[in-house]
N, C-alpha and C. Protein backbone atom coordinates (compact mmCIF):
# COMPACT_ATOMS: atom_id res chain seq x y z
N MET A 1 -36.27 -42.43 -41.03
CA MET A 1 -34.92 -42.02 -41.34
C MET A 1 -34.72 -40.58 -40.83
N LEU A 2 -33.53 -40.33 -40.34
CA LEU A 2 -33.16 -39.01 -39.86
C LEU A 2 -31.92 -38.54 -40.61
N LEU A 3 -31.85 -37.25 -40.87
CA LEU A 3 -30.65 -36.66 -41.44
C LEU A 3 -29.97 -35.89 -40.33
N ILE A 4 -28.76 -36.32 -39.95
CA ILE A 4 -28.03 -35.68 -38.87
C ILE A 4 -26.69 -35.17 -39.39
N THR A 5 -26.11 -34.24 -38.67
CA THR A 5 -24.76 -33.80 -38.94
C THR A 5 -23.89 -34.26 -37.79
N CYS A 6 -22.87 -35.05 -38.10
CA CYS A 6 -21.98 -35.57 -37.07
C CYS A 6 -21.08 -34.43 -36.59
N PRO A 7 -21.07 -34.13 -35.29
CA PRO A 7 -20.22 -33.05 -34.80
C PRO A 7 -18.73 -33.39 -34.82
N VAL A 8 -18.40 -34.66 -34.95
CA VAL A 8 -16.99 -35.09 -34.97
C VAL A 8 -16.41 -34.94 -36.38
N THR A 9 -17.11 -35.50 -37.36
CA THR A 9 -16.60 -35.51 -38.73
C THR A 9 -17.17 -34.38 -39.59
N ARG A 10 -18.20 -33.69 -39.09
CA ARG A 10 -18.87 -32.60 -39.81
C ARG A 10 -19.47 -33.05 -41.14
N THR A 11 -19.92 -34.29 -41.19
CA THR A 11 -20.57 -34.81 -42.39
C THR A 11 -22.04 -35.04 -42.12
N ASP A 12 -22.85 -34.93 -43.16
CA ASP A 12 -24.27 -35.24 -43.05
C ASP A 12 -24.45 -36.73 -43.24
N GLU A 13 -25.25 -37.33 -42.36
CA GLU A 13 -25.46 -38.78 -42.40
C GLU A 13 -26.95 -39.07 -42.37
N LEU A 14 -27.38 -39.99 -43.19
CA LEU A 14 -28.75 -40.48 -43.16
C LEU A 14 -28.79 -41.69 -42.24
N VAL A 15 -29.61 -41.60 -41.19
CA VAL A 15 -29.59 -42.60 -40.13
C VAL A 15 -30.96 -43.28 -40.04
N ALA A 16 -30.95 -44.60 -39.91
CA ALA A 16 -32.18 -45.36 -39.77
C ALA A 16 -32.77 -45.17 -38.37
N ASP A 17 -34.07 -45.36 -38.25
CA ASP A 17 -34.75 -45.21 -36.96
C ASP A 17 -34.21 -46.18 -35.91
N ARG A 18 -33.71 -47.31 -36.32
CA ARG A 18 -33.20 -48.30 -35.37
C ARG A 18 -31.92 -47.83 -34.67
N ARG A 19 -31.31 -46.75 -35.15
CA ARG A 19 -30.12 -46.19 -34.51
C ARG A 19 -30.45 -45.21 -33.38
N ILE A 20 -31.73 -44.92 -33.16
CA ILE A 20 -32.13 -44.07 -32.04
C ILE A 20 -31.96 -44.87 -30.76
N ARG A 21 -31.16 -44.38 -29.84
CA ARG A 21 -30.87 -45.11 -28.61
C ARG A 21 -31.71 -44.63 -27.43
N SER A 22 -32.11 -43.37 -27.43
CA SER A 22 -32.94 -42.87 -26.33
C SER A 22 -33.77 -41.69 -26.80
N VAL A 23 -34.93 -41.53 -26.17
CA VAL A 23 -35.81 -40.39 -26.41
C VAL A 23 -36.20 -39.85 -25.05
N THR A 24 -35.93 -38.57 -24.82
CA THR A 24 -36.26 -37.95 -23.54
C THR A 24 -37.13 -36.73 -23.80
N ASN A 25 -38.29 -36.70 -23.17
CA ASN A 25 -39.21 -35.58 -23.33
C ASN A 25 -38.94 -34.55 -22.24
N HIS A 26 -38.63 -33.32 -22.64
CA HIS A 26 -38.42 -32.20 -21.73
C HIS A 26 -39.52 -31.17 -21.96
N PRO A 27 -39.73 -30.23 -21.03
CA PRO A 27 -40.78 -29.23 -21.23
C PRO A 27 -40.57 -28.36 -22.47
N THR A 28 -39.32 -28.11 -22.86
CA THR A 28 -39.06 -27.24 -24.00
C THR A 28 -38.63 -27.97 -25.26
N HIS A 29 -38.28 -29.24 -25.17
CA HIS A 29 -37.78 -29.95 -26.34
C HIS A 29 -37.82 -31.46 -26.12
N VAL A 30 -37.57 -32.18 -27.18
CA VAL A 30 -37.39 -33.63 -27.13
C VAL A 30 -35.94 -33.90 -27.48
N ALA A 31 -35.24 -34.68 -26.66
CA ALA A 31 -33.85 -35.01 -26.91
C ALA A 31 -33.75 -36.44 -27.43
N LEU A 32 -33.08 -36.59 -28.57
CA LEU A 32 -32.89 -37.91 -29.17
C LEU A 32 -31.42 -38.28 -29.08
N GLY A 33 -31.14 -39.43 -28.50
CA GLY A 33 -29.78 -39.98 -28.52
C GLY A 33 -29.67 -40.89 -29.72
N VAL A 34 -28.80 -40.51 -30.67
CA VAL A 34 -28.70 -41.23 -31.94
C VAL A 34 -27.28 -41.75 -32.12
N GLU A 35 -27.16 -43.03 -32.45
CA GLU A 35 -25.85 -43.63 -32.73
C GLU A 35 -25.43 -43.22 -34.14
N CYS A 36 -24.28 -42.58 -34.23
CA CYS A 36 -23.79 -42.06 -35.50
C CYS A 36 -23.09 -43.16 -36.30
N PRO A 37 -23.49 -43.37 -37.56
CA PRO A 37 -22.83 -44.39 -38.37
C PRO A 37 -21.42 -43.97 -38.81
N SER A 38 -21.16 -42.68 -38.78
CA SER A 38 -19.86 -42.17 -39.22
C SER A 38 -18.75 -42.40 -38.20
N CYS A 39 -19.01 -42.04 -36.93
CA CYS A 39 -17.96 -42.16 -35.91
C CYS A 39 -18.28 -43.20 -34.84
N GLY A 40 -19.52 -43.70 -34.78
CA GLY A 40 -19.88 -44.73 -33.82
C GLY A 40 -20.31 -44.21 -32.46
N SER A 41 -20.21 -42.90 -32.22
CA SER A 41 -20.62 -42.33 -30.94
C SER A 41 -22.13 -42.08 -30.91
N VAL A 42 -22.65 -41.86 -29.70
CA VAL A 42 -24.05 -41.48 -29.55
C VAL A 42 -24.09 -39.97 -29.35
N HIS A 43 -24.77 -39.27 -30.25
CA HIS A 43 -24.91 -37.83 -30.18
C HIS A 43 -26.34 -37.49 -29.79
N VAL A 44 -26.51 -36.40 -29.06
CA VAL A 44 -27.84 -35.96 -28.64
C VAL A 44 -28.28 -34.81 -29.53
N TYR A 45 -29.47 -34.96 -30.11
CA TYR A 45 -30.06 -33.92 -30.95
C TYR A 45 -31.35 -33.48 -30.30
N ARG A 46 -31.54 -32.18 -30.20
CA ARG A 46 -32.73 -31.62 -29.55
C ARG A 46 -33.65 -31.03 -30.61
N THR A 47 -34.95 -31.28 -30.44
CA THR A 47 -35.93 -30.79 -31.39
C THR A 47 -37.03 -30.07 -30.64
N GLY A 48 -37.76 -29.23 -31.32
CA GLY A 48 -38.92 -28.59 -30.73
C GLY A 48 -38.95 -27.09 -30.95
N ARG A 49 -40.14 -26.55 -31.09
CA ARG A 49 -40.30 -25.12 -31.33
C ARG A 49 -39.86 -24.30 -30.15
N ARG A 50 -40.19 -24.73 -28.94
CA ARG A 50 -39.80 -23.95 -27.76
C ARG A 50 -38.29 -23.90 -27.61
N TRP A 51 -37.61 -25.00 -27.89
CA TRP A 51 -36.15 -25.05 -27.81
C TRP A 51 -35.55 -24.06 -28.81
N GLU A 52 -36.06 -24.04 -30.03
CA GLU A 52 -35.55 -23.12 -31.04
C GLU A 52 -35.86 -21.67 -30.68
N ALA A 53 -37.02 -21.44 -30.08
CA ALA A 53 -37.38 -20.08 -29.69
C ALA A 53 -36.44 -19.56 -28.61
N VAL A 54 -36.09 -20.39 -27.64
CA VAL A 54 -35.17 -19.99 -26.57
C VAL A 54 -33.78 -19.73 -27.14
N ARG A 55 -33.32 -20.59 -28.05
CA ARG A 55 -32.00 -20.39 -28.66
C ARG A 55 -31.97 -19.10 -29.46
N ALA A 56 -33.02 -18.81 -30.22
CA ALA A 56 -33.06 -17.58 -31.02
C ALA A 56 -33.10 -16.35 -30.12
N GLU A 57 -33.84 -16.44 -29.01
CA GLU A 57 -33.93 -15.32 -28.08
C GLU A 57 -32.57 -15.02 -27.45
N ARG A 58 -31.86 -16.07 -27.05
CA ARG A 58 -30.54 -15.89 -26.45
C ARG A 58 -29.54 -15.34 -27.46
N ALA A 59 -29.64 -15.77 -28.70
CA ALA A 59 -28.72 -15.29 -29.74
C ALA A 59 -28.96 -13.82 -30.06
N ALA A 60 -30.20 -13.35 -29.88
CA ALA A 60 -30.54 -11.97 -30.21
C ALA A 60 -30.14 -10.99 -29.10
N ARG A 61 -29.88 -11.48 -27.90
CA ARG A 61 -29.50 -10.60 -26.80
C ARG A 61 -28.09 -10.06 -26.98
N PRO A 62 -27.86 -8.82 -26.56
CA PRO A 62 -26.48 -8.30 -26.58
C PRO A 62 -25.61 -9.07 -25.59
N ALA A 63 -24.32 -9.12 -25.86
CA ALA A 63 -23.38 -9.88 -25.03
C ALA A 63 -23.34 -9.35 -23.60
N ALA A 64 -23.58 -8.07 -23.40
CA ALA A 64 -23.55 -7.49 -22.06
C ALA A 64 -24.62 -8.08 -21.16
N GLN A 65 -25.77 -8.43 -21.72
CA GLN A 65 -26.85 -9.02 -20.92
C GLN A 65 -26.54 -10.46 -20.55
N LEU A 66 -25.76 -11.15 -21.35
CA LEU A 66 -25.46 -12.55 -21.10
C LEU A 66 -24.36 -12.73 -20.05
N ALA A 67 -23.50 -11.74 -19.88
CA ALA A 67 -22.39 -11.86 -18.94
C ALA A 67 -22.91 -11.85 -17.51
N PRO A 68 -22.37 -12.76 -16.65
CA PRO A 68 -22.80 -12.77 -15.25
C PRO A 68 -22.31 -11.52 -14.52
N ALA A 69 -23.10 -11.05 -13.58
CA ALA A 69 -22.76 -9.82 -12.85
C ALA A 69 -21.81 -10.07 -11.71
């Protein structure tokens, strides 16, 4: 079972493993395509320590560094 938050309805949903539609392994994370019971769409959820580390690093940077030159 997975606990997901639907980005469409903003509700937390408990989802059975049989609703997982795809699993893709990336160097920094694992992407799960999950069919949402709330809205019926397939949403992609990313997991992994490296993915979270990159997101935290980008969030900590000042906005001036993120802007393209």
